[in-house]
Amino acid sequence: MLKPSASKRISILATDGVFASTLMQAKDFFHMASLRYGKQLGLGLTPALETWLVSPDGNPVTTFNGSRIEVEGSLGETDAVILPAFWGDFDQFCQQYPQVEPWLQERHAAGTAICGEASGVFWMAAAGLLDEREATTHWRFAKEFSERFPRVLLTLEKHLTDSDNLYCAGGTTSSCDLYMHLVEGFCGASVAQGMARDILFEVQRNYSPGRIGFGGQKLHLDTRVLQIQEWLEEHFAEKFRFEDVAREHGMSIRNFMRRFQAATGDKPLHYLQRLRIETAKSLLSTTRKSIKTISYEVGYDDASFFARLFRHHTELSPNQYRQQYRHKSG
């Protein structure tokens, strides 16, 4: 889990053909977070994070729309890498920028968070980082992506994926959810919630934001437990008994409990509760549904019990959590 710090550097990769809008969206997003975090730390208007536009050779780039953009540095050590969307011949870009793939490999080995948006995910896959891992991209690039990288587990039905500090977002709106996750890790929940309240509350999503944070719990070799995790993601809101789930997957309840915790680090009930609470958090921040309706939709008939459980996991009531995402009136 990322921990808030005043010394983090975020590097946003600029290449020829990059969509200027996605490049500058990331720059603006993290600069805003940096200013908010600096104010929280008592630094006034001094940014608390370093947010750099970097190019493979440190030279300016020509964006998709033909504009020329200066950068602030070249590839180097960093705590997060953002790979914005681009348009053009990827083979040509790989030849033009041979530095990118080894840089990503080095950064991943060092524990850096690496985030790709839409076609930006191609860089992660080309570096071999997504082999045998779940990933997503924009539907327009799906055919080319699957042909180029058959070892990647492409899941277009998900708009966000995460696995071992590797994050993929299918498009502009989902990348905002992804960046918000990073802001919370780097700057803390209050900064992230303040930004979401001010700039994201009225974003109209055509999807339910993905549950970022569970990908790392799938990095194990117990395929039976992985099947159950995937089943829980689809059926978390339903009424079921773990005894029945275990039996349907060929295990006794005792063996299931032991294997699930050994593989994921979580007891099954706690894992299920987290799935439900994360979904509830998304519904609270992106819809105007009542607490009772949300409670029911995530699997709890008793809204009072749901509220107590929500507070246990977040230290806030559902209403308090929602209020932090609402625009202040007046």
C-alpha atoms as a PDB file:
ATOM      1  CA  MET A   1       0.000   0.000   0.000  1.00  0.00           C
ATOM      2  CA  LEU A   2       1.331   3.448  -0.885  1.00  0.00           C
ATOM      3  CA  LYS A   3       2.016   5.684   2.084  1.00  0.00           C
ATOM      4  CA  PRO A   4       1.580   9.469   2.125  1.00  0.00           C
ATOM      5  CA  SER A   5       4.896  11.270   1.663  1.00  0.00           C
ATOM      6  CA  ALA A   6       6.090  14.729   0.710  1.00  0.00           C
ATOM      7  CA  SER A   7       8.955  13.436  -1.407  1.00  0.00           C
ATOM      8  CA  LYS A   8       7.229  11.468  -4.157  1.00  0.00           C
ATOM      9  CA  ARG A   9       7.896  12.014  -7.838  1.00  0.00           C
ATOM     10  CA  ILE A  10       5.330  11.286 -10.558  1.00  0.00           C
ATOM     11  CA  SER A  11       6.716  10.968 -14.091  1.00  0.00           C
ATOM     12  CA  ILE A  12       4.281  11.386 -16.997  1.00  0.00           C
ATOM     13  CA  LEU A  13       5.664   9.985 -20.242  1.00  0.00           C
ATOM     14  CA  ALA A  14       5.501  12.282 -23.281  1.00  0.00           C
ATOM     15  CA  THR A  15       6.221  10.838 -26.723  1.00  0.00           C
ATOM     16  CA  ASP A  16       5.485  11.914 -30.258  1.00  0.00           C
ATOM     17  CA  GLY A  17       1.851  11.146 -31.046  1.00  0.00           C
ATOM     18  CA  VAL A  18       0.698  11.473 -27.443  1.00  0.00           C
ATOM     19  CA  PHE A  19      -2.801  12.830 -26.946  1.00  0.00           C
ATOM     20  CA  ALA A  20      -2.108  16.223 -25.416  1.00  0.00           C
ATOM     21  CA  SER A  21      -5.386  16.074 -23.497  1.00  0.00           C
ATOM     22  CA  THR A  22      -4.455  12.868 -21.653  1.00  0.00           C
ATOM     23  CA  LEU A  23      -0.914  14.100 -21.042  1.00  0.00           C
ATOM     24  CA  MET A  24      -2.022  17.397 -19.527  1.00  0.00           C
ATOM     25  CA  GLN A  25      -4.975  15.854 -17.697  1.00  0.00           C
ATOM     26  CA  ALA A  26      -2.514  13.748 -15.718  1.00  0.00           C
ATOM     27  CA  LYS A  27      -0.220  16.753 -15.205  1.00  0.00           C
ATOM     28  CA  ASP A  28      -3.068  18.960 -13.962  1.00  0.00           C
ATOM     29  CA  PHE A  29      -4.536  16.201 -11.809  1.00  0.00           C
ATOM     30  CA  PHE A  30      -1.358  15.448  -9.873  1.00  0.00           C
ATOM     31  CA  HIS A  31      -0.332  19.108  -9.687  1.00  0.00           C
ATOM     32  CA  MET A  32      -3.667  19.893  -8.067  1.00  0.00           C
ATOM     33  CA  ALA A  33      -3.132  17.025  -5.618  1.00  0.00           C
ATOM     34  CA  SER A  34       0.374  18.315  -4.920  1.00  0.00           C
ATOM     35  CA  LEU A  35      -0.878  21.800  -4.085  1.00  0.00           C
ATOM     36  CA  ARG A  36      -3.621  20.465  -1.827  1.00  0.00           C
ATOM     37  CA  TYR A  37      -1.175  18.166  -0.073  1.00  0.00           C
ATOM     38  CA  GLY A  38       1.340  20.997   0.330  1.00  0.00           C
ATOM     39  CA  LYS A  39      -1.302  23.157   1.963  1.00  0.00           C
ATOM     40  CA  GLN A  40      -2.203  20.297   4.287  1.00  0.00           C
ATOM     41  CA  LEU A  41       1.468  19.940   5.264  1.00  0.00           C
ATOM     42  CA  GLY A  42       1.747  23.663   5.994  1.00  0.00           C
ATOM     43  CA  LEU A  43       3.758  24.486   2.874  1.00  0.00           C
ATOM     44  CA  GLY A  44       1.353  27.128   1.591  1.00  0.00           C
ATOM     45  CA  LEU A  45       1.186  27.040  -2.213  1.00  0.00           C
ATOM     46  CA  THR A  46       4.418  25.061  -2.529  1.00  0.00           C
ATOM     47  CA  PRO A  47       3.753  21.741  -4.322  1.00  0.00           C
ATOM     48  CA  ALA A  48       4.412  18.731  -2.091  1.00  0.00           C
ATOM     49  CA  LEU A  49       4.951  16.304  -4.968  1.00  0.00           C
ATOM     50  CA  GLU A  50       7.213  16.501  -7.988  1.00  0.00           C
ATOM     51  CA  THR A  51       5.099  16.112 -11.129  1.00  0.00           C
ATOM     52  CA  TRP A  52       7.272  15.899 -14.228  1.00  0.00           C
ATOM     53  CA  LEU A  53       6.583  15.563 -17.908  1.00  0.00           C
ATOM     54  CA  VAL A  54       9.407  13.351 -19.184  1.00  0.00           C
ATOM     55  CA  SER A  55      10.372  12.164 -22.651  1.00  0.00           C
ATOM     56  CA  PRO A  56      12.686   9.254 -23.451  1.00  0.00           C
ATOM     57  CA  ASP A  57      15.512  11.592 -24.525  1.00  0.00           C
ATOM     58  CA  GLY A  58      14.547  14.763 -22.662  1.00  0.00           C
ATOM     59  CA  ASN A  59      13.622  16.522 -25.910  1.00  0.00           C
ATOM     60  CA  PRO A  60      10.279  18.208 -26.756  1.00  0.00           C
ATOM     61  CA  VAL A  61       7.599  16.057 -28.397  1.00  0.00           C
ATOM     62  CA  THR A  62       5.021  16.649 -31.097  1.00  0.00           C
ATOM     63  CA  THR A  63       1.576  15.638 -29.891  1.00  0.00           C
ATOM     64  CA  PHE A  64      -1.259  14.041 -31.843  1.00  0.00           C
ATOM     65  CA  ASN A  65      -2.729  17.469 -32.593  1.00  0.00           C
ATOM     66  CA  GLY A  66       0.584  18.799 -33.884  1.00  0.00           C
ATOM     67  CA  SER A  67       1.422  21.027 -30.937  1.00  0.00           C
ATOM     68  CA  ARG A  68       4.956  21.049 -29.578  1.00  0.00           C
ATOM     69  CA  ILE A  69       5.342  20.371 -25.860  1.00  0.00           C
ATOM     70  CA  GLU A  70       8.435  20.940 -23.774  1.00  0.00           C
ATOM     71  CA  VAL A  71       9.268  18.417 -21.054  1.00  0.00           C
ATOM     72  CA  GLU A  72      10.981  18.758 -17.680  1.00  0.00           C
ATOM     73  CA  GLY A  73      13.340  15.815 -17.830  1.00  0.00           C
ATOM     74  CA  SER A  74      14.139  12.388 -19.210  1.00  0.00           C
ATOM     75  CA  LEU A  75      13.674   8.862 -17.880  1.00  0.00           C
ATOM     76  CA  GLY A  76      14.977   8.209 -14.386  1.00  0.00           C
ATOM     77  CA  GLU A  77      14.072   7.192 -10.865  1.00  0.00           C
ATOM     78  CA  THR A  78      10.489   7.913  -9.918  1.00  0.00           C
ATOM     79  CA  ASP A  79       7.729   6.700  -7.610  1.00  0.00           C
ATOM     80  CA  ALA A  80       4.975   6.545 -10.215  1.00  0.00           C
ATOM     81  CA  VAL A  81       4.903   6.351 -14.006  1.00  0.00           C
ATOM     82  CA  ILE A  82       1.908   7.565 -15.995  1.00  0.00           C
ATOM     83  CA  LEU A  83       1.634   6.337 -19.597  1.00  0.00           C
ATOM     84  CA  PRO A  84      -0.934   8.531 -21.395  1.00  0.00           C
ATOM     85  CA  ALA A  85      -2.776   7.500 -24.556  1.00  0.00           C
ATOM     86  CA  PHE A  86      -1.118   8.033 -27.930  1.00  0.00           C
ATOM     87  CA  TRP A  87      -1.976   7.598 -31.600  1.00  0.00           C
ATOM     88  CA  GLY A  88       0.340   6.209 -34.252  1.00  0.00           C
ATOM     89  CA  ASP A  89       2.403   3.231 -35.362  1.00  0.00           C
ATOM     90  CA  PHE A  90       3.504   1.464 -32.184  1.00  0.00           C
ATOM     91  CA  ASP A  91       6.298  -0.426 -33.959  1.00  0.00           C
ATOM     92  CA  GLN A  92       7.712   2.891 -35.086  1.00  0.00           C
ATOM     93  CA  PHE A  93       7.502   4.312 -31.573  1.00  0.00           C
ATOM     94  CA  CYS A  94       9.300   1.254 -30.165  1.00  0.00           C
ATOM     95  CA  GLN A  95      12.131   1.820 -32.638  1.00  0.00           C
ATOM     96  CA  GLN A  96      12.141   5.553 -31.950  1.00  0.00           C
ATOM     97  CA  TYR A  97      12.182   5.101 -28.172  1.00  0.00           C
ATOM     98  CA  PRO A  98      14.140   1.934 -27.272  1.00  0.00           C
ATOM     99  CA  GLN A  99      14.764   3.383 -23.796  1.00  0.00           C
ATOM    100  CA  VAL A 100      11.154   3.040 -22.638  1.00  0.00           C
ATOM    101  CA  GLU A 101      10.797  -0.729 -22.201  1.00  0.00           C
ATOM    102  CA  PRO A 102      13.952  -1.301 -20.118  1.00  0.00           C
ATOM    103  CA  TRP A 103      13.077   1.780 -18.055  1.00  0.00           C
ATOM    104  CA  LEU A 104       9.646   0.352 -17.247  1.00  0.00           C
ATOM    105  CA  GLN A 105      11.182  -3.002 -16.349  1.00  0.00           C
ATOM    106  CA  GLU A 106      13.662  -1.329 -14.018  1.00  0.00           C
ATOM    107  CA  ARG A 107      11.008   0.843 -12.411  1.00  0.00           C
ATOM    108  CA  HIS A 108       8.674  -2.092 -11.846  1.00  0.00           C
ATOM    109  CA  ALA A 109      11.473  -4.110 -10.241  1.00  0.00           C
ATOM    110  CA  ALA A 110      12.102  -1.131  -7.947  1.00  0.00           C
ATOM    111  CA  GLY A 111       8.464  -1.075  -6.793  1.00  0.00           C
ATOM    112  CA  THR A 112       7.265   1.899  -8.824  1.00  0.00           C
ATOM    113  CA  ALA A 113       3.539   2.180  -9.545  1.00  0.00           C
ATOM    114  CA  ILE A 114       3.064   2.049 -13.338  1.00  0.00           C
ATOM    115  CA  CYS A 115      -0.212   3.235 -14.847  1.00  0.00           C
ATOM    116  CA  GLY A 116      -1.318   3.013 -18.477  1.00  0.00           C
ATOM    117  CA  GLU A 117      -4.314   4.708 -20.062  1.00  0.00           C
ATOM    118  CA  ALA A 118      -5.895   3.216 -23.210  1.00  0.00           C
ATOM    119  CA  SER A 119      -3.098   2.769 -25.798  1.00  0.00           C
ATOM    120  CA  GLY A 120      -0.554   3.708 -23.115  1.00  0.00           C
ATOM    121  CA  VAL A 121      -1.025   0.163 -21.812  1.00  0.00           C
ATOM    122  CA  PHE A 122       0.854  -1.046 -24.928  1.00  0.00           C
ATOM    123  CA  TRP A 123       4.133   0.143 -23.369  1.00  0.00           C
ATOM    124  CA  MET A 124       3.553  -1.994 -20.283  1.00  0.00           C
ATOM    125  CA  ALA A 125       2.721  -5.057 -22.355  1.00  0.00           C
ATOM    126  CA  ALA A 126       5.689  -4.548 -24.713  1.00  0.00           C
ATOM    127  CA  ALA A 127       7.981  -4.511 -21.677  1.00  0.00           C
ATOM    128  CA  GLY A 128       6.612  -7.922 -20.698  1.00  0.00           C
ATOM    129  CA  LEU A 129       5.162  -6.615 -17.447  1.00  0.00           C
ATOM    130  CA  LEU A 130       1.619  -7.795 -18.161  1.00  0.00           C
ATOM    131  CA  ASP A 131       2.367 -11.367 -19.239  1.00  0.00           C
ATOM    132  CA  GLU A 132      -0.125 -13.717 -17.537  1.00  0.00           C
ATOM    133  CA  ARG A 133      -1.692 -10.734 -15.808  1.00  0.00           C
ATOM    134  CA  GLU A 134      -5.104  -9.150 -16.164  1.00  0.00           C
ATOM    135  CA  ALA A 135      -5.180  -5.901 -18.156  1.00  0.00           C
ATOM    136  CA  THR A 136      -7.575  -3.664 -20.034  1.00  0.00           C
ATOM    137  CA  THR A 137      -7.410  -0.985 -22.731  1.00  0.00           C
ATOM    138  CA  HIS A 138      -9.769   1.071 -24.876  1.00  0.00           C
ATOM    139  CA  TRP A 139     -12.036  -1.064 -27.061  1.00  0.00           C
ATOM    140  CA  ARG A 140     -10.680   0.606 -30.205  1.00  0.00           C
ATOM    141  CA  PHE A 141      -7.240  -0.877 -29.548  1.00  0.00           C
ATOM    142  CA  ALA A 142      -8.410  -4.275 -28.309  1.00  0.00           C
ATOM    143  CA  LYS A 143      -7.914  -6.275 -31.520  1.00  0.00           C
ATOM    144  CA  GLU A 144      -4.388  -5.000 -32.129  1.00  0.00           C
ATOM    145  CA  PHE A 145      -3.515  -5.413 -28.467  1.00  0.00           C
ATOM    146  CA  SER A 146      -4.677  -9.025 -28.243  1.00  0.00           C
ATOM    147  CA  GLU A 147      -2.825  -9.912 -31.462  1.00  0.00           C
ATOM    148  CA  ARG A 148       0.398  -8.279 -30.294  1.00  0.00           C
ATOM    149  CA  PHE A 149       0.313  -9.544 -26.731  1.00  0.00           C
ATOM    150  CA  PRO A 150      -1.432 -12.943 -26.585  1.00  0.00           C
ATOM    151  CA  ARG A 151       0.062 -13.723 -23.159  1.00  0.00           C
ATOM    152  CA  VAL A 152      -1.760 -10.802 -21.544  1.00  0.00           C
ATOM    153  CA  LEU A 153      -5.163 -11.587 -20.001  1.00  0.00           C
ATOM    154  CA  LEU A 154      -7.141  -8.837 -21.729  1.00  0.00           C
ATOM    155  CA  THR A 155     -10.476  -8.200 -19.977  1.00  0.00           C
ATOM    156  CA  LEU A 156     -12.391  -5.473 -21.761  1.00  0.00           C
ATOM    157  CA  GLU A 157     -15.423  -5.892 -19.520  1.00  0.00           C
ATOM    158  CA  LYS A 158     -13.345  -4.196 -16.812  1.00  0.00           C
ATOM    159  CA  HIS A 159     -12.454  -0.529 -17.113  1.00  0.00           C
ATOM    160  CA  LEU A 160      -9.752  -0.724 -14.439  1.00  0.00           C
ATOM    161  CA  THR A 161      -7.317  -3.491 -13.541  1.00  0.00           C
ATOM    162  CA  ASP A 162      -4.462  -3.737 -11.074  1.00  0.00           C
ATOM    163  CA  SER A 163      -1.833  -6.367 -10.494  1.00  0.00           C
ATOM    164  CA  ASP A 164       1.421  -6.025  -8.573  1.00  0.00           C
ATOM    165  CA  ASN A 165       1.622  -2.214  -8.856  1.00  0.00           C
ATOM    166  CA  LEU A 166       0.640  -2.345 -12.547  1.00  0.00           C
ATOM    167  CA  TYR A 167      -2.539  -0.407 -13.289  1.00  0.00           C
ATOM    168  CA  CYS A 168      -4.548  -0.210 -16.516  1.00  0.00           C
ATOM    169  CA  ALA A 169      -7.387   2.181 -17.359  1.00  0.00           C
ATOM    170  CA  GLY A 170      -9.566   1.793 -20.437  1.00  0.00           C
ATOM    171  CA  GLY A 171     -10.181   5.479 -21.061  1.00  0.00           C
ATOM    172  CA  THR A 172     -10.279   9.038 -19.780  1.00  0.00           C
ATOM    173  CA  THR A 173     -12.937   8.655 -17.097  1.00  0.00           C
ATOM    174  CA  SER A 174     -11.532   5.424 -15.682  1.00  0.00           C
ATOM    175  CA  SER A 175      -8.059   6.972 -15.616  1.00  0.00           C
ATOM    176  CA  CYS A 176      -9.469   9.651 -13.285  1.00  0.00           C
ATOM    177  CA  ASP A 177     -10.563   6.896 -10.898  1.00  0.00           C
ATOM    178  CA  LEU A 178      -7.108   5.362 -11.186  1.00  0.00           C
ATOM    179  CA  TYR A 179      -5.328   8.656 -10.498  1.00  0.00           C
ATOM    180  CA  MET A 180      -7.591   9.233  -7.525  1.00  0.00           C
ATOM    181  CA  HIS A 181      -6.446   5.901  -6.123  1.00  0.00           C
ATOM    182  CA  LEU A 182      -2.814   6.990  -6.463  1.00  0.00           C
ATOM    183  CA  VAL A 183      -3.535  10.391  -4.924  1.00  0.00           C
ATOM    184  CA  GLU A 184      -5.061   8.681  -1.900  1.00  0.00           C
ATOM    185  CA  GLY A 185      -1.948   6.521  -1.570  1.00  0.00           C
ATOM    186  CA  PHE A 186       0.521   9.384  -1.980  1.00  0.00           C
ATOM    187  CA  CYS A 187      -1.355  12.199  -0.242  1.00  0.00           C
ATOM    188  CA  GLY A 188      -3.939  10.580   1.998  1.00  0.00           C
ATOM    189  CA  ALA A 189      -7.699  10.159   1.940  1.00  0.00           C
ATOM    190  CA  SER A 190      -8.648  13.747   2.754  1.00  0.00           C
ATOM    191  CA  VAL A 191      -6.780  15.140  -0.269  1.00  0.00           C
ATOM    192  CA  ALA A 192      -8.302  12.514  -2.560  1.00  0.00           C
ATOM    193  CA  GLN A 193     -11.793  13.067  -1.220  1.00  0.00           C
ATOM    194  CA  GLY A 194     -11.477  16.836  -1.559  1.00  0.00           C
ATOM    195  CA  MET A 195     -10.424  16.506  -5.197  1.00  0.00           C
ATOM    196  CA  ALA A 196     -13.192  14.039  -5.945  1.00  0.00           C
ATOM    197  CA  ARG A 197     -15.739  16.373  -4.386  1.00  0.00           C
ATOM    198  CA  ASP A 198     -14.533  19.329  -6.418  1.00  0.00           C
ATOM    199  CA  ILE A 199     -13.841  17.836  -9.838  1.00  0.00           C
ATOM    200  CA  LEU A 200     -15.273  14.339 -10.170  1.00  0.00           C
ATOM    201  CA  PHE A 201     -18.688  14.247  -8.541  1.00  0.00           C
ATOM    202  CA  GLU A 202     -20.594  15.135 -11.697  1.00  0.00           C
ATOM    203  CA  VAL A 203     -18.569  12.907 -14.034  1.00  0.00           C
ATOM    204  CA  GLN A 204     -21.071  10.626 -15.728  1.00  0.00           C
ATOM    205  CA  ARG A 205     -19.713   7.091 -15.854  1.00  0.00           C
ATOM    206  CA  ASN A 206     -21.222   4.382 -18.028  1.00  0.00           C
ATOM    207  CA  TYR A 207     -19.629   1.765 -15.780  1.00  0.00           C
ATOM    208  CA  SER A 208     -19.128   0.951 -12.125  1.00  0.00           C
ATOM    209  CA  PRO A 209     -15.620   1.986 -11.064  1.00  0.00           C
ATOM    210  CA  GLY A 210     -13.423  -1.071 -10.640  1.00  0.00           C
ATOM    211  CA  ARG A 211     -12.353  -2.313  -7.247  1.00  0.00           C
ATOM    212  CA  ILE A 212      -8.735  -1.208  -7.249  1.00  0.00           C
ATOM    213  CA  GLY A 213      -6.662  -2.905  -4.578  1.00  0.00           C
ATOM    214  CA  PHE A 214      -7.639  -6.540  -4.996  1.00  0.00           C
ATOM    215  CA  GLY A 215      -5.292  -7.372  -7.872  1.00  0.00           C
ATOM    216  CA  GLY A 216      -2.343  -8.070  -5.607  1.00  0.00           C
ATOM    217  CA  GLN A 217      -4.351 -10.710  -3.786  1.00  0.00           C
ATOM    218  CA  LYS A 218      -4.551 -12.714  -6.997  1.00  0.00           C
ATOM    219  CA  LEU A 219      -0.788 -13.132  -7.308  1.00  0.00           C
ATOM    220  CA  HIS A 220      -0.772 -16.711  -6.046  1.00  0.00           C
ATOM    221  CA  LEU A 221      -0.682 -20.172  -7.573  1.00  0.00           C
ATOM    222  CA  ASP A 222      -3.863 -21.646  -6.077  1.00  0.00           C
ATOM    223  CA  THR A 223      -6.073 -21.774  -9.180  1.00  0.00           C
ATOM    224  CA  ARG A 224      -9.059 -23.084  -7.211  1.00  0.00           C
ATOM    225  CA  VAL A 225      -8.977 -20.092  -4.876  1.00  0.00           C
ATOM    226  CA  LEU A 226      -8.554 -17.765  -7.863  1.00  0.00           C
ATOM    227  CA  GLN A 227     -11.705 -19.257  -9.399  1.00  0.00           C
ATOM    228  CA  ILE A 228     -13.556 -18.557  -6.148  1.00  0.00           C
ATOM    229  CA  GLN A 229     -12.272 -14.964  -6.065  1.00  0.00           C
ATOM    230  CA  GLU A 230     -13.591 -14.436  -9.581  1.00  0.00           C
ATOM    231  CA  TRP A 231     -16.901 -16.039  -8.580  1.00  0.00           C
ATOM    232  CA  LEU A 232     -17.170 -13.698  -5.590  1.00  0.00           C
ATOM    233  CA  GLU A 233     -16.579 -10.654  -7.811  1.00  0.00           C
ATOM    234  CA  GLU A 234     -19.598 -11.658  -9.886  1.00  0.00           C
ATOM    235  CA  HIS A 235     -21.897 -12.803  -7.076  1.00  0.00           C
ATOM    236  CA  PHE A 236     -20.836 -10.738  -4.047  1.00  0.00           C
ATOM    237  CA  ALA A 237     -24.285  -9.176  -3.616  1.00  0.00           C
ATOM    238  CA  GLU A 238     -26.140 -12.501  -3.609  1.00  0.00           C
ATOM    239  CA  LYS A 239     -27.162 -14.617  -0.622  1.00  0.00           C
ATOM    240  CA  PHE A 240     -24.948 -17.693  -0.309  1.00  0.00           C
ATOM    241  CA  ARG A 241     -23.077 -19.806   2.207  1.00  0.00           C
ATOM    242  CA  PHE A 242     -19.338 -20.335   2.018  1.00  0.00           C
ATOM    243  CA  GLU A 243     -19.984 -24.012   2.752  1.00  0.00           C
ATOM    244  CA  ASP A 244     -21.873 -24.259  -0.543  1.00  0.00           C
ATOM    245  CA  VAL A 245     -19.214 -22.292  -2.438  1.00  0.00           C
ATOM    246  CA  ALA A 246     -16.511 -24.570  -1.086  1.00  0.00           C
ATOM    247  CA  ARG A 247     -18.440 -27.713  -1.977  1.00  0.00           C
ATOM    248  CA  GLU A 248     -19.162 -26.490  -5.512  1.00  0.00           C
ATOM    249  CA  HIS A 249     -15.426 -25.975  -5.967  1.00  0.00           C
ATOM    250  CA  GLY A 250     -14.525 -29.410  -4.622  1.00  0.00           C
ATOM    251  CA  MET A 251     -13.386 -28.470  -1.121  1.00  0.00           C
ATOM    252  CA  SER A 252     -14.492 -28.961   2.443  1.00  0.00           C
ATOM    253  CA  ILE A 253     -15.287 -25.748   4.301  1.00  0.00           C
ATOM    254  CA  ARG A 254     -12.246 -26.246   6.551  1.00  0.00           C
ATOM    255  CA  ASN A 255      -9.898 -26.758   3.603  1.00  0.00           C
ATOM    256  CA  PHE A 256     -11.455 -23.809   1.782  1.00  0.00           C
ATOM    257  CA  MET A 257     -10.979 -21.441   4.736  1.00  0.00           C
ATOM    258  CA  ARG A 258      -7.359 -22.478   5.141  1.00  0.00           C
ATOM    259  CA  ARG A 259      -6.465 -22.288   1.461  1.00  0.00           C
ATOM    260  CA  PHE A 260      -8.261 -18.971   0.863  1.00  0.00           C
ATOM    261  CA  GLN A 261      -6.464 -17.197   3.702  1.00  0.00           C
ATOM    262  CA  ALA A 262      -3.114 -18.740   2.777  1.00  0.00           C
ATOM    263  CA  ALA A 263      -3.469 -17.582  -0.847  1.00  0.00           C
ATOM    264  CA  THR A 264      -4.977 -14.098  -0.360  1.00  0.00           C
ATOM    265  CA  GLY A 265      -3.993 -13.111   3.164  1.00  0.00           C
ATOM    266  CA  ASP A 266      -7.674 -12.504   3.966  1.00  0.00           C
ATOM    267  CA  LYS A 267     -10.362 -14.591   5.595  1.00  0.00           C
ATOM    268  CA  PRO A 268     -13.206 -15.205   3.095  1.00  0.00           C
ATOM    269  CA  LEU A 269     -15.760 -13.156   5.049  1.00  0.00           C
ATOM    270  CA  HIS A 270     -13.448 -10.162   5.338  1.00  0.00           C
ATOM    271  CA  TYR A 271     -12.642 -10.376   1.629  1.00  0.00           C
ATOM    272  CA  LEU A 272     -16.365 -10.458   0.798  1.00  0.00           C
ATOM    273  CA  GLN A 273     -17.038  -7.501   3.081  1.00  0.00           C
ATOM    274  CA  ARG A 274     -14.293  -5.483   1.354  1.00  0.00           C
ATOM    275  CA  LEU A 275     -15.774  -6.272  -2.063  1.00  0.00           C
ATOM    276  CA  ARG A 276     -19.136  -5.027  -0.867  1.00  0.00           C
ATOM    277  CA  ILE A 277     -17.783  -1.928   0.865  1.00  0.00           C
ATOM    278  CA  GLU A 278     -15.648  -0.902  -2.129  1.00  0.00           C
ATOM    279  CA  THR A 279     -18.702  -1.194  -4.378  1.00  0.00           C
ATOM    280  CA  ALA A 280     -20.736   0.817  -1.878  1.00  0.00           C
ATOM    281  CA  LYS A 281     -18.065   3.548  -1.830  1.00  0.00           C
ATOM    282  CA  SER A 282     -18.327   3.833  -5.613  1.00  0.00           C
ATOM    283  CA  LEU A 283     -22.121   4.044  -5.467  1.00  0.00           C
ATOM    284  CA  LEU A 284     -22.016   6.653  -2.710  1.00  0.00           C
ATOM    285  CA  SER A 285     -19.609   8.869  -4.615  1.00  0.00           C
ATOM    286  CA  THR A 286     -21.083   8.523  -8.112  1.00  0.00           C
ATOM    287  CA  THR A 287     -24.863   8.159  -7.596  1.00  0.00           C
ATOM    288  CA  ARG A 288     -27.631   9.714  -5.548  1.00  0.00           C
ATOM    289  CA  LYS A 289     -29.116   6.380  -4.488  1.00  0.00           C
ATOM    290  CA  SER A 290     -30.309   6.149  -0.912  1.00  0.00           C
ATOM    291  CA  ILE A 291     -28.206   4.402   1.738  1.00  0.00           C
ATOM    292  CA  LYS A 292     -30.900   1.748   2.067  1.00  0.00           C
ATOM    293  CA  THR A 293     -30.878   1.069  -1.678  1.00  0.00           C
ATOM    294  CA  ILE A 294     -27.084   0.858  -1.770  1.00  0.00           C
ATOM    295  CA  SER A 295     -27.096  -1.442   1.241  1.00  0.00           C
ATOM    296  CA  TYR A 296     -29.468  -3.784  -0.565  1.00  0.00           C
ATOM    297  CA  GLU A 297     -27.554  -3.622  -3.850  1.00  0.00           C
ATOM    298  CA  VAL A 298     -24.293  -4.715  -2.228  1.00  0.00           C
ATOM    299  CA  GLY A 299     -25.901  -7.590  -0.348  1.00  0.00           C
ATOM    300  CA  TYR A 300     -27.180  -6.290   3.000  1.00  0.00           C
ATOM    301  CA  ASP A 301     -30.902  -6.227   3.820  1.00  0.00           C
ATOM    302  CA  ASP A 302     -30.276  -4.437   7.110  1.00  0.00           C
ATOM    303  CA  ALA A 303     -29.174  -0.866   6.372  1.00  0.00           C
ATOM    304  CA  SER A 304     -28.193  -0.295  10.017  1.00  0.00           C
ATOM    305  CA  PHE A 305     -25.848  -3.284   9.956  1.00  0.00           C
ATOM    306  CA  PHE A 306     -24.434  -2.072   6.641  1.00  0.00           C
ATOM    307  CA  ALA A 307     -23.794   1.390   8.106  1.00  0.00           C
ATOM    308  CA  ARG A 308     -21.952  -0.085  11.106  1.00  0.00           C
ATOM    309  CA  LEU A 309     -19.863  -2.304   8.835  1.00  0.00           C
ATOM    310  CA  PHE A 310     -19.108   0.624   6.532  1.00  0.00           C
ATOM    311  CA  ARG A 311     -17.877   2.702   9.475  1.00  0.00           C
ATOM    312  CA  HIS A 312     -15.728  -0.210  10.670  1.00  0.00           C
ATOM    313  CA  HIS A 313     -13.979  -0.373   7.288  1.00  0.00           C
ATOM    314  CA  THR A 314     -13.731   3.373   6.526  1.00  0.00           C
ATOM    315  CA  GLU A 315     -14.066   5.164   9.905  1.00  0.00           C
ATOM    316  CA  LEU A 316     -16.900   7.167   8.329  1.00  0.00           C
ATOM    317  CA  SER A 317     -20.640   6.663   8.129  1.00  0.00           C
ATOM    318  CA  PRO A 318     -22.055   6.229   4.602  1.00  0.00           C
ATOM    319  CA  ASN A 319     -23.519   9.746   4.788  1.00  0.00           C
ATOM    320  CA  GLN A 320     -20.222  11.244   5.949  1.00  0.00           C
ATOM    321  CA  TYR A 321     -18.384   9.473   3.149  1.00  0.00           C
ATOM    322  CA  ARG A 322     -20.865  10.735   0.564  1.00  0.00           C
ATOM    323  CA  GLN A 323     -20.808  14.273   1.930  1.00  0.00           C
ATOM    324  CA  GLN A 324     -17.081  14.553   1.290  1.00  0.00           C
ATOM    325  CA  TYR A 325     -17.717  13.903  -2.403  1.00  0.00           C
ATOM    326  CA  ARG A 326     -20.451  16.470  -2.815  1.00  0.00           C
ATOM    327  CA  HIS A 327     -19.964  19.972  -4.102  1.00  0.00           C
ATOM    328  CA  LYS A 328     -20.281  22.576  -1.394  1.00  0.00           C
ATOM    329  CA  SER A 329     -23.288  24.763  -2.026  1.00  0.00           C
ATOM    330  CA  GLY A 330     -22.979  28.527  -2.181  1.00  0.00           C
END
